[in-house]
Protein backbone atom coordinates (compact mmCIF):
# COMPACT_ATOMS: atom_id res chain seq x y z
CA UNK A 1 1.19 3.96 13.14
CA UNK A 2 3.57 1.89 10.81
CA UNK A 3 4.96 2.22 7.34
CA UNK A 4 5.17 0.11 4.86
CA UNK A 5 7.86 -0.68 2.28
CA UNK A 6 6.63 -1.17 -0.58
CA UNK A 7 9.68 -1.43 -2.92
CA UNK A 8 12.96 -1.57 -1.71
CA UNK A 9 15.84 0.02 -3.64
CA UNK A 10 19.40 1.55 -2.94
CA UNK A 11 19.69 5.29 -4.52
CA UNK A 12 17.15 6.91 -2.92
CA UNK A 13 13.47 7.00 -0.63
CA UNK A 14 10.37 7.88 -2.20
CA UNK A 15 8.03 8.61 0.63
CA UNK A 16 4.17 9.32 0.25
CA UNK A 17 0.95 8.10 1.07
CA UNK A 18 -2.78 7.28 0.07
CA UNK A 19 -3.07 7.60 -3.49
CA UNK A 20 0.13 8.73 -4.53
CA UNK A 21 1.76 5.43 -3.83
CA UNK A 22 0.66 3.47 -7.41
CA UNK A 23 1.82 6.83 -8.64
CA UNK A 24 5.43 6.71 -6.44
CA UNK A 25 5.37 2.76 -7.43
CA UNK A 26 5.41 3.50 -11.15
CA UNK A 27 7.97 5.91 -11.14
CA UNK A 28 10.42 3.64 -9.30
CA UNK A 29 9.14 1.16 -11.82
CA UNK A 30 10.80 3.72 -15.01
CA UNK A 31 13.77 4.39 -12.81
CA UNK A 32 14.40 0.96 -12.27
CA UNK A 33 14.40 0.65 -15.87
CA UNK A 34 17.05 3.22 -15.90
CA UNK A 35 19.26 1.12 -13.46
CA UNK A 36 18.11 3.45 -10.38
CA UNK A 37 16.43 1.29 -7.29
CA UNK A 38 13.98 3.28 -4.94
CA UNK A 39 12.97 2.42 -1.61
CA UNK A 40 9.10 3.57 -1.78
CA UNK A 41 7.39 4.28 1.72
CA UNK A 42 3.75 4.38 2.07
CA UNK A 43 3.34 6.37 5.71
CA UNK A 44 0.23 4.97 6.04
CA UNK A 45 -0.42 7.50 8.87
CA UNK A 46 1.17 10.73 9.59
CA UNK A 47 0.44 11.18 13.18
CA UNK A 48 1.51 9.01 14.48
CA UNK A 49 4.23 8.90 12.17
CA UNK A 50 6.82 6.22 11.54
CA UNK A 51 9.88 8.30 11.80
CA UNK A 52 12.16 4.99 12.36
CA UNK A 53 10.99 3.69 9.00
CA UNK A 54 11.88 7.09 6.83
CA UNK A 55 15.19 7.25 8.82
CA UNK A 56 16.32 3.78 8.44
CA UNK A 57 15.38 3.85 5.10
CA UNK A 58 17.25 7.49 4.01
CA UNK A 59 20.33 6.35 6.15
CA UNK A 60 20.88 3.18 3.75
CA UNK A 61 19.82 5.22 0.10
CA UNK A 62 21.14 9.04 1.36
CA UNK A 63 18.64 10.42 -0.93
CA UNK A 64 15.19 11.48 -0.02
CA UNK A 65 12.02 12.48 -2.29
CA UNK A 66 8.74 13.21 -0.36
CA UNK A 67 5.53 13.00 -2.50
CA UNK A 68 2.55 14.95 -1.56
CA UNK A 69 -0.73 16.19 -2.96
CA UNK A 70 -1.08 18.76 -0.74
CA UNK A 71 0.36 22.75 -1.66
CA UNK A 72 4.32 22.86 -0.03
CA UNK A 73 3.60 25.33 2.56
CA UNK A 74 3.30 23.66 6.03
CA UNK A 75 2.34 20.54 4.10
CA UNK A 76 3.73 16.52 5.46
CA UNK A 77 6.27 16.92 2.50
CA UNK A 78 8.23 19.98 4.58
CA UNK A 79 7.48 18.09 7.73
CA UNK A 80 9.21 15.19 6.84
CA UNK A 81 12.07 17.05 4.95
CA UNK A 82 12.81 18.89 8.36
CA UNK A 83 12.35 15.37 10.21
CA UNK A 84 15.18 14.14 7.76
CA UNK A 85 17.39 17.41 8.28
CA UNK A 86 17.13 17.43 11.88
CA UNK A 87 17.65 13.71 12.82
CA UNK A 88 19.75 11.96 9.43
CA UNK A 89 21.26 14.74 7.68
CA UNK A 90 24.95 13.57 7.88
CA UNK A 91 23.31 10.84 5.85
CA UNK A 92 22.10 12.65 2.80
CA UNK A 93 24.25 12.56 -0.17
CA UNK A 94 21.98 15.13 -1.53
CA UNK A 95 19.32 18.13 -1.00
CA UNK A 96 15.80 16.73 -0.18
CA UNK A 97 13.65 16.59 -3.37
CA UNK A 98 9.66 17.25 -2.93
CA UNK A 99 7.26 16.64 -5.15
CA UNK A 100 4.07 18.53 -5.00
CA UNK A 101 1.22 20.52 -6.45
CA UNK A 102 2.44 24.28 -6.66
CA UNK A 103 2.21 26.83 -3.73
CA UNK A 104 -1.46 28.32 -5.42
CA UNK A 105 -5.14 27.29 -4.46
CA UNK A 106 -6.39 24.26 -5.76
CA UNK A 107 -7.90 24.85 -9.31
CA UNK A 108 -11.74 24.09 -9.55
CA UNK A 109 -11.79 23.09 -13.98
CA UNK A 110 -11.01 19.25 -13.87
CA UNK A 111 -8.66 19.88 -16.59
CA UNK A 112 -6.61 22.35 -14.67
CA UNK A 113 -6.52 20.03 -11.53
CA UNK A 114 -4.96 17.41 -13.57
CA UNK A 115 -2.41 19.70 -14.76
CA UNK A 116 -1.98 20.76 -10.32
CA UNK A 117 -1.83 17.39 -9.39
CA UNK A 118 2.02 15.99 -8.91
CA UNK A 119 3.19 13.58 -11.83
CA UNK A 120 4.95 10.35 -13.00
CA UNK A 121 7.35 12.35 -14.74
CA UNK A 122 7.85 14.97 -12.04
CA UNK A 123 8.73 12.16 -9.45
CA UNK A 124 11.32 10.53 -12.13
CA UNK A 125 12.63 13.91 -12.89
CA UNK A 126 13.05 14.54 -9.58
CA UNK A 127 14.61 11.43 -8.47
CA UNK A 128 17.18 11.59 -11.46
CA UNK A 129 18.40 15.15 -10.66
CA UNK A 130 18.71 13.88 -6.99
CA UNK A 131 20.39 10.67 -7.46
CA UNK A 132 23.11 12.87 -9.98
CA UNK A 133 23.60 15.43 -7.58
CA UNK A 134 27.42 16.31 -6.81
CA UNK A 135 27.88 19.00 -4.89
CA UNK A 136 28.48 22.71 -5.96
CA UNK A 137 27.15 21.42 -9.30
CA UNK A 138 23.12 20.27 -9.76
CA UNK A 139 21.99 18.30 -12.47
CA UNK A 140 18.88 19.32 -14.30
């Protein structure tokens, strides 16, 4: 029930768990080279969910990106986006970014499964778009 702050940054919060923590760390490394600092939070568990850790980080960074290996409908990414929208909306400087597979069935072929899963590039692009967001003018 207690999340782990894997990395500290001031520009955006990336929340994820499981095997995607490593992907989030690699994306944060790449972004750090571009001058963008990210908090990376490993949820560790989804129930109970350490809401306080997520909300505290978003209050500091003002931006949230949720990285999830499940399709976007009814997944933890939507749950966390809803939580932050409800409890920390005034802290948000940009819309919440979600990096998930597409809303399609999981493919059977290994080559298609690789294309289906989120990538480091998608995380980097979503964070950059979120950090560069200005009201009325989305970057990207």
